[in-house]
């Protein structure tokens, strides 16, 4: 509801550190679709990804006040 009326939300960190072999799972329990970094998460859907190599993923994030998330994946 806050996003729909233009208010900022702060549910996700702006930086997330992960190791190769770890996974992320994002569950969207809302009725709206959202961007969470490089992931487009449809309403009532779950997105999962296992990190298989080192790197940095950067993307728009509707779930934090900065509007961006950086995911650093290291060995």
Protein backbone atom coordinates (compact mmCIF):
# COMPACT_ATOMS: atom_id res chain seq x y z
CA UNK A 1 0.00 0.00 0.00
CA UNK A 2 2.79 2.47 0.83
CA UNK A 3 4.44 2.04 -2.56
CA UNK A 4 1.11 2.49 -4.34
CA UNK A 5 0.71 5.95 -2.76
CA UNK A 6 4.33 6.97 -3.35
CA UNK A 7 5.72 6.36 0.14
CA UNK A 8 9.14 4.78 0.60
CA UNK A 9 9.46 1.37 2.20
CA UNK A 10 12.55 -0.15 3.79
CA UNK A 11 12.16 -3.94 3.75
CA UNK A 12 15.40 -4.92 1.97
CA UNK A 13 18.98 -3.87 2.68
CA UNK A 14 20.82 -1.75 0.13
CA UNK A 15 23.71 -4.24 0.11
CA UNK A 16 23.56 -8.00 0.40
CA UNK A 17 26.66 -10.19 0.67
CA UNK A 18 26.49 -13.82 -0.43
CA UNK A 19 28.88 -16.68 -1.10
CA UNK A 20 29.04 -18.87 -4.19
CA UNK A 21 26.72 -21.81 -3.50
CA UNK A 22 24.30 -19.81 -1.35
CA UNK A 23 20.77 -19.03 -2.49
CA UNK A 24 18.31 -16.18 -2.28
CA UNK A 25 14.55 -16.59 -2.20
CA UNK A 26 12.18 -13.66 -2.51
CA UNK A 27 8.52 -14.21 -1.68
CA UNK A 28 6.06 -11.55 -2.83
CA UNK A 29 2.88 -11.85 -0.80
CA UNK A 30 1.50 -8.62 -2.23
CA UNK A 31 -1.02 -8.08 -5.01
CA UNK A 32 1.51 -5.95 -6.92
CA UNK A 33 4.63 -6.87 -8.94
CA UNK A 34 7.97 -5.52 -7.70
CA UNK A 35 11.62 -5.19 -8.69
CA UNK A 36 14.09 -6.45 -6.12
CA UNK A 37 17.50 -5.83 -7.63
CA UNK A 38 17.85 -7.83 -10.82
CA UNK A 39 14.75 -9.87 -9.95
CA UNK A 40 11.24 -9.11 -11.17
CA UNK A 41 8.89 -10.68 -8.65
CA UNK A 42 5.29 -11.05 -9.77
CA UNK A 43 2.41 -10.70 -7.32
CA UNK A 44 1.90 -13.79 -5.16
CA UNK A 45 5.04 -15.40 -6.63
CA UNK A 46 8.42 -16.60 -5.40
CA UNK A 47 11.75 -16.11 -7.15
CA UNK A 48 14.78 -18.17 -6.17
CA UNK A 49 18.37 -18.12 -7.39
CA UNK A 50 21.48 -20.02 -6.40
CA UNK A 51 24.69 -18.07 -6.85
CA UNK A 52 27.08 -20.13 -8.97
CA UNK A 53 29.90 -17.64 -9.56
CA UNK A 54 31.49 -14.54 -8.10
CA UNK A 55 30.27 -11.14 -9.20
CA UNK A 56 28.16 -8.14 -8.38
CA UNK A 57 24.49 -7.79 -9.24
CA UNK A 58 23.01 -4.30 -9.14
CA UNK A 59 19.43 -3.32 -9.76
CA UNK A 60 16.43 -1.24 -8.91
CA UNK A 61 14.78 -2.15 -5.64
CA UNK A 62 11.21 -1.18 -4.81
CA UNK A 63 11.69 -2.56 -1.31
CA UNK A 64 14.15 -0.06 0.18
CA UNK A 65 14.33 3.69 0.51
CA UNK A 66 17.46 3.99 -1.66
CA UNK A 67 15.71 2.41 -4.64
CA UNK A 68 18.69 0.17 -5.44
CA UNK A 69 20.26 -3.02 -4.15
CA UNK A 70 23.78 -4.38 -4.68
CA UNK A 71 24.38 -8.10 -4.26
CA UNK A 72 28.06 -9.01 -3.83
CA UNK A 73 28.83 -12.69 -4.44
CA UNK A 74 32.24 -13.95 -3.34
CA UNK A 75 33.94 -17.35 -3.18
